[in-house]
Protein backbone atom coordinates (compact mmCIF):
# COMPACT_ATOMS: atom_id res chain seq x y z
CA MET A 1 -0.02 -0.07 0.17
CA THR A 2 1.62 3.56 -0.68
CA ARG A 3 2.05 6.28 0.99
CA GLN A 4 -0.89 8.79 0.51
CA THR A 5 -0.59 12.56 0.82
CA LYS A 6 -3.29 15.13 3.38
CA SER A 7 -5.81 18.13 2.24
CA ASN A 8 -2.90 20.13 4.45
CA GLY A 9 -0.10 17.95 2.62
CA GLN A 10 1.02 16.05 5.17
CA ASP A 11 2.30 12.97 4.26
CA PHE A 12 0.95 9.77 6.15
CA GLN A 13 0.28 6.11 6.41
CA PRO A 14 -3.18 4.30 5.61
CA ALA A 15 -4.22 2.93 8.94
CA ALA A 16 -3.81 -0.82 7.43
CA ALA A 17 -0.05 0.01 6.39
CA ARG A 18 0.94 1.37 9.65
CA LEU A 19 -0.40 -1.31 11.41
CA GLN A 20 1.27 -3.78 9.05
CA SER A 21 5.07 -2.33 9.57
CA MET A 22 4.62 -1.92 13.17
CA ALA A 23 3.06 -5.32 13.86
CA ALA A 24 6.13 -7.34 13.81
CA SER A 25 7.66 -4.71 16.82
CA LEU A 26 4.84 -4.43 19.23
CA PRO A 27 3.80 -6.92 22.22
CA ALA A 28 2.37 -10.32 21.81
CA THR A 29 -1.08 -8.79 22.88
CA SER A 30 -1.18 -6.37 20.77
CA ARG A 31 0.65 -7.94 18.03
CA ARG A 32 -2.62 -10.39 18.30
CA ILE A 33 -5.17 -7.70 17.93
CA ALA A 34 -2.86 -6.30 14.63
CA GLN A 35 -2.90 -9.52 13.17
CA PHE A 36 -6.47 -10.62 14.28
CA VAL A 37 -7.22 -6.26 12.39
CA LEU A 38 -5.16 -6.82 9.42
CA ASP A 39 -7.23 -10.32 8.73
CA ASN A 40 -10.29 -8.93 9.24
CA VAL A 41 -10.63 -5.21 8.54
CA GLY A 42 -14.42 -5.57 6.94
CA GLU A 43 -15.36 -6.78 10.30
CA VAL A 44 -13.20 -4.58 12.01
CA VAL A 45 -15.07 -1.14 10.76
CA HIS A 46 -18.19 -2.28 12.21
CA MET A 47 -17.11 -3.66 16.14
CA SER A 48 -16.73 -1.84 18.85
CA VAL A 49 -14.06 -2.30 21.37
CA THR A 50 -15.84 -4.71 23.21
CA GLU A 51 -16.18 -6.97 20.53
CA LEU A 52 -12.54 -6.82 19.33
CA ALA A 53 -11.48 -7.25 22.64
CA GLU A 54 -13.43 -10.35 22.64
CA LYS A 55 -12.51 -11.60 19.38
CA THR A 56 -9.13 -11.30 19.83
CA GLU A 57 -9.29 -12.69 24.04
CA SER A 58 -7.88 -9.40 24.97
CA SER A 59 -8.69 -6.53 27.23
CA GLU A 60 -11.25 -3.85 25.91
CA GLY A 61 -7.48 -1.47 27.40
CA SER A 62 -5.68 -3.24 25.64
CA VAL A 63 -7.68 -2.67 21.91
CA VAL A 64 -7.58 1.47 22.70
CA GLY A 65 -3.76 0.99 23.98
CA LEU A 66 -3.18 -0.58 20.51
CA ALA A 67 -4.69 2.56 18.92
CA LYS A 68 -3.23 4.68 20.77
CA THR A 69 0.60 3.08 20.18
CA LEU A 70 -0.32 3.39 16.41
CA GLY A 71 -0.94 7.55 16.35
CA TYR A 72 -4.53 7.27 16.97
CA THR A 73 -7.32 9.34 20.15
CA GLY A 74 -8.63 5.48 20.92
CA PHE A 75 -9.96 2.38 19.28
CA GLN A 76 -13.27 4.39 17.30
CA GLN A 77 -10.31 7.09 15.20
CA LEU A 78 -8.46 3.79 13.88
CA LYS A 79 -12.45 1.95 13.10
CA ILE A 80 -12.29 5.78 10.91
CA ALA A 81 -8.44 5.75 9.44
CA LEU A 82 -9.74 1.65 8.37
CA ALA A 83 -12.49 2.86 6.72
CA GLN A 84 -11.19 5.10 4.91
CA ASP A 85 -8.67 2.90 3.36
CA LEU A 86 -11.74 0.93 2.29
CA VAL A 87 -14.86 3.31 1.68
CA THR A 88 -14.95 6.46 -1.18
CA PRO A 89 -14.55 9.51 0.58
CA VAL A 90 -18.74 10.10 -0.37
CA GLN A 91 -19.69 7.77 2.10
CA PHE A 92 -18.34 9.62 4.62
CA ILE A 93 -21.23 11.78 4.04
CA HIS A 94 -23.56 8.65 3.52
CA GLU A 95 -22.69 5.39 3.74
CA ASP A 96 -24.88 4.06 -0.17
CA LEU A 97 -24.64 7.29 -1.73
CA GLU A 98 -22.11 7.19 -5.01
CA PRO A 99 -20.25 10.65 -6.71
CA GLY A 100 -22.93 12.30 -8.82
CA ASP A 101 -26.45 10.97 -7.39
CA HIS A 102 -28.89 12.86 -8.67
CA PRO A 103 -30.97 14.91 -6.16
CA ASP A 104 -33.50 12.13 -6.67
CA THR A 105 -31.70 9.01 -5.29
CA VAL A 106 -29.75 10.88 -2.43
CA VAL A 107 -33.70 11.76 -1.69
CA ARG A 108 -34.36 7.30 -2.03
CA LYS A 109 -31.35 6.39 -0.20
CA VAL A 110 -31.23 9.00 2.42
CA PHE A 111 -34.90 8.40 3.47
CA ALA A 112 -34.67 4.42 2.97
CA SER A 113 -32.02 3.95 5.61
CA HIS A 114 -33.69 6.13 7.87
CA ILE A 115 -37.21 4.61 7.85
CA GLN A 116 -34.73 1.12 8.03
CA ALA A 117 -33.04 2.26 11.01
CA LEU A 118 -36.18 2.70 12.43
CA GLN A 119 -38.12 -0.11 11.96
CA ASP A 120 -34.50 -2.76 12.82
CA THR A 121 -35.20 0.06 15.84
CA ARG A 122 -38.80 -1.56 16.36
CA ALA A 123 -38.06 -4.92 16.37
CA SER A 124 -35.13 -4.68 18.35
CA LEU A 125 -36.86 -2.88 21.34
CA ASP A 126 -37.39 -4.31 24.46
CA VAL A 127 -40.74 -4.20 25.49
CA HIS A 128 -39.63 -5.25 28.92
CA ALA A 129 -36.51 -3.54 28.98
CA LEU A 130 -38.90 -0.79 28.08
CA ASN A 131 -41.52 -1.22 31.10
CA ARG A 132 -38.29 -1.00 34.01
CA ALA A 133 -37.30 1.87 32.37
CA VAL A 134 -40.90 3.58 33.19
CA GLU A 135 -40.85 1.88 36.48
CA ALA A 136 -37.00 3.05 37.71
CA ILE A 137 -38.12 7.25 36.37
CA ARG A 138 -41.12 6.67 37.53
CA ALA A 139 -40.06 5.64 41.23
CA ALA A 140 -36.95 8.42 40.91
CA ARG A 141 -36.67 11.87 42.73
CA ARG A 142 -35.04 13.22 39.64
CA VAL A 143 -34.16 12.19 36.70
CA GLU A 144 -29.80 13.06 35.19
CA VAL A 145 -29.93 13.44 31.64
CA TYR A 146 -26.34 12.96 30.05
CA GLY A 147 -25.44 13.20 26.28
CA ILE A 148 -22.09 14.81 24.49
CA GLY A 149 -21.01 15.28 20.88
CA SER A 150 -24.34 14.51 18.62
CA ALA A 151 -26.06 13.17 21.60
CA ALA A 152 -26.29 16.17 23.28
CA SER A 153 -29.12 17.68 21.49
CA VAL A 154 -30.70 14.26 21.81
CA ALA A 155 -30.59 14.57 25.38
CA GLU A 156 -31.22 17.71 25.94
CA ASP A 157 -34.65 17.15 24.05
CA ALA A 158 -35.08 14.69 26.35
CA GLY A 159 -34.92 16.39 29.22
CA TYR A 160 -37.07 19.12 27.64
CA ARG A 161 -39.44 16.57 27.20
CA LEU A 162 -39.69 15.03 30.76
CA MET A 163 -40.75 18.30 32.24
CA ARG A 164 -43.40 18.83 30.11
CA ILE A 165 -44.99 15.64 31.77
CA GLY A 166 -44.29 16.48 35.58
CA ILE A 167 -41.04 15.16 35.59
CA GLU A 168 -37.73 16.35 37.22
CA ALA A 169 -35.17 15.94 34.73
CA ARG A 170 -31.31 17.34 34.82
CA VAL A 171 -29.66 17.76 31.58
CA LEU A 172 -26.19 17.74 31.76
CA VAL A 173 -23.53 17.14 28.48
CA ASP A 174 -20.51 19.55 29.56
CA SER A 175 -18.27 15.90 30.40
CA HIS A 176 -17.10 18.13 34.18
CA ILE A 177 -20.08 18.45 35.18
CA GLN A 178 -21.56 15.51 34.24
CA ALA A 179 -19.43 13.55 35.95
CA ILE A 180 -19.85 16.03 39.76
CA GLY A 181 -23.55 15.12 39.18
CA ALA A 182 -23.43 11.71 38.97
CA SER A 183 -21.20 11.13 41.64
CA LEU A 184 -24.03 12.75 43.93
CA THR A 185 -26.79 11.60 42.41
CA GLY A 186 -28.02 8.09 44.93
CA PRO A 187 -31.18 5.16 45.22
CA ASP A 188 -33.21 8.07 45.03
CA VAL A 189 -32.37 9.29 41.27
CA ALA A 190 -32.71 8.14 37.89
CA THR A 191 -30.11 8.50 35.19
CA LEU A 192 -30.61 8.08 31.19
CA THR A 193 -27.44 7.95 29.54
CA ILE A 194 -27.77 8.65 25.46
CA SER A 195 -24.60 6.95 23.41
CA HIS A 196 -24.93 5.27 20.15
CA SER A 197 -20.50 4.14 20.10
CA GLY A 198 -21.24 2.68 24.10
CA ALA A 199 -18.16 3.77 24.31
CA SER A 200 -17.80 7.63 25.04
CA GLN A 201 -15.74 8.12 27.92
CA GLU A 202 -17.41 11.03 29.09
CA THR A 203 -20.80 8.98 29.09
CA LEU A 204 -18.96 6.27 30.15
CA THR A 205 -17.54 7.31 33.10
CA ALA A 206 -20.85 9.22 33.92
CA THR A 207 -22.71 6.37 34.04
CA ARG A 208 -20.26 4.47 36.05
CA LEU A 209 -20.12 7.08 38.73
CA ALA A 210 -23.84 7.31 39.23
CA ARG A 211 -24.71 3.96 39.31
CA GLU A 212 -21.44 3.54 41.85
CA ALA A 213 -23.78 6.22 43.70
CA GLY A 214 -26.90 4.01 43.96
CA ALA A 215 -28.62 5.26 41.03
CA ARG A 216 -30.55 3.65 39.00
CA THR A 217 -28.76 3.16 35.24
CA ILE A 218 -30.75 3.75 31.89
CA VAL A 219 -28.46 3.57 28.68
CA VAL A 220 -30.23 4.38 25.45
CA THR A 221 -26.89 2.58 22.72
CA ASN A 222 -26.69 1.02 19.10
CA TYR A 223 -27.12 -2.58 19.78
CA GLY A 224 -24.18 -4.96 20.08
CA LYS A 225 -22.17 -5.20 23.30
CA SER A 226 -19.94 -1.83 24.03
CA PRO A 227 -18.40 -1.25 27.40
CA ILE A 228 -21.49 0.96 29.23
CA LEU A 229 -23.25 -1.86 29.25
CA ALA A 230 -21.17 -2.96 32.47
CA TYR A 231 -22.88 0.24 34.32
CA ALA A 232 -26.19 -0.45 32.78
CA ASP A 233 -28.93 -1.44 34.93
CA ILE A 234 -32.10 -1.32 32.02
CA VAL A 235 -30.52 -1.11 28.17
CA LEU A 236 -32.94 0.57 25.55
CA PHE A 237 -31.48 -0.84 21.83
CA THR A 238 -31.41 1.54 18.74
CA VAL A 239 -30.05 -0.37 14.95
CA ALA A 240 -28.13 2.36 13.06
CA ARG A 241 -25.94 0.35 9.89
CA GLU A 242 -25.62 3.83 8.78
CA THR A 243 -22.83 4.89 11.54
CA ASN A 244 -20.82 2.29 10.74
CA PHE A 245 -18.31 5.08 9.08
CA ARG A 246 -19.38 8.32 10.11
CA THR A 247 -19.31 9.64 13.69
CA GLU A 248 -22.15 12.24 13.11
CA ALA A 249 -24.45 10.04 10.96
CA MET A 250 -28.54 11.14 11.27
CA THR A 251 -29.68 8.10 11.58
CA SER A 252 -27.72 7.14 15.11
CA ARG A 253 -30.50 9.92 16.54
CA ILE A 254 -33.34 9.30 14.93
CA GLY A 255 -33.30 6.03 16.02
CA GLN A 256 -32.61 6.92 19.59
CA LEU A 257 -35.38 10.31 19.02
CA ALA A 258 -37.53 7.73 18.04
CA VAL A 259 -36.93 5.33 21.28
CA LEU A 260 -37.50 8.53 23.91
CA ASP A 261 -40.09 9.33 21.84
CA THR A 262 -41.34 5.76 23.10
CA LEU A 263 -40.44 5.81 26.72
CA ILE A 264 -41.93 9.59 27.44
CA ALA A 265 -45.44 8.64 26.23
CA CYS A 266 -44.99 5.73 27.88
CA LEU A 267 -44.22 7.58 31.30
CA ALA A 268 -47.02 9.53 30.33
CA LEU A 269 -49.72 7.19 30.18
CA GLU A 270 -48.25 5.65 33.17
CA ASP A 271 -49.79 9.00 35.02
CA TYR A 272 -52.48 9.92 33.03
CA GLU A 273 -54.72 12.36 34.67
CA ALA A 274 -51.36 14.13 36.27
CA SER A 275 -48.92 14.21 32.80
CA SER A 276 -52.05 15.25 30.70
CA GLU A 277 -52.63 17.85 33.86
CA VAL A 278 -49.52 19.61 33.54
CA LEU A 279 -49.05 19.00 29.92
CA ARG A 280 -52.41 21.33 29.74
CA ARG A 281 -50.61 23.83 32.04
CA SER A 282 -47.94 23.75 29.53
CA PHE A 283 -49.23 24.71 26.32
CA GLU A 284 -50.71 27.50 28.35
CA ILE A 285 -47.55 29.25 29.21
CA LEU A 286 -46.27 28.31 26.12
CA SER A 287 -49.80 30.43 24.42
CA LEU A 288 -47.75 33.52 25.90
CA LYS A 289 -44.93 33.42 24.29
CA ARG A 290 -46.72 33.10 20.51
CA TYR A 291 -48.13 36.38 18.56
C-alpha cells in the first residue's frame, strides 16, 4: 500500500499499512490484536471495542492501547482511519451514496436508510426493558440525562420532554459537570444516558459514577456489545447501520429520538391524569410566547 497525502500536505501512512509496519515490534497481546485487525479489516470497522477485545481474547484497554500506539486517540478514530482505506469519500457523507447521484436518488437512499433504522429499532426494542425504565423513572425523585457530542442535542430534547410531563429532569452535557453530578446521585435518582457507540469516555464515566452512587442507570445505545453495558441497569437498544463509518450520522439520532419518544409516551400514560394536567398548563404558558 502506498503512502498518501492529506489535504494539508502532510505525508501519512494508511491505517492498515501503519499497522502492518509496526506489528512485528508490538508486544504479544497487541500483536495478536493487530493481526486480527489486518486479517479482518472489513469486519473490524463494524465492531465495538468490546467485541474486538472478545474476538482477540484481550481487554478493551489493550485494544485502546494499540490504537494509541498507532497514533490515534482511541479505537473509534482507528476504525475511521481503517474505513478510509475501504470506502470512497462520499460514503462519509452517507454510506449508500455514489459520487454524481442525482438529488432524486439521494432523497430515496437517505430516506430509505432512515426508515430501515426505525424498522430495525422497533424490532429490537425490548418491551420488558421499556417497562422497567418507566418504573425506574417514575420511582425516582429526579432524572439526570447525559449526552455528549451529537447525543447532546438528543439529551436536551429528552430532558425537555420529561419536564413537559411533570418529571423533574436535569440535562448534563458537559463532561466535567456530568462526572460531578453523577457522583452526587443516589438510590432516589434515575439516570438516562444516550450514547450510540457505548464507548464515549465521558458518558461511560458518568454512568459508572452514577451506578456506584446507587442510582438506577438507563442507557440508550446501539445494538451490540459495548463498554457502557457493564454499568447499565436497563438498556434500550437502537439499530442504526449507517454509523459504521461516520461518528455524527443522523440515522443514529433518529433511532434514539424514536426510542425516547416511546419511553416518554409510556411515562405519560403511566400517570395519565397528572401528565395531562402538566401538559395543559405548559401549553397555556407557552401560548404566551406566541403571537
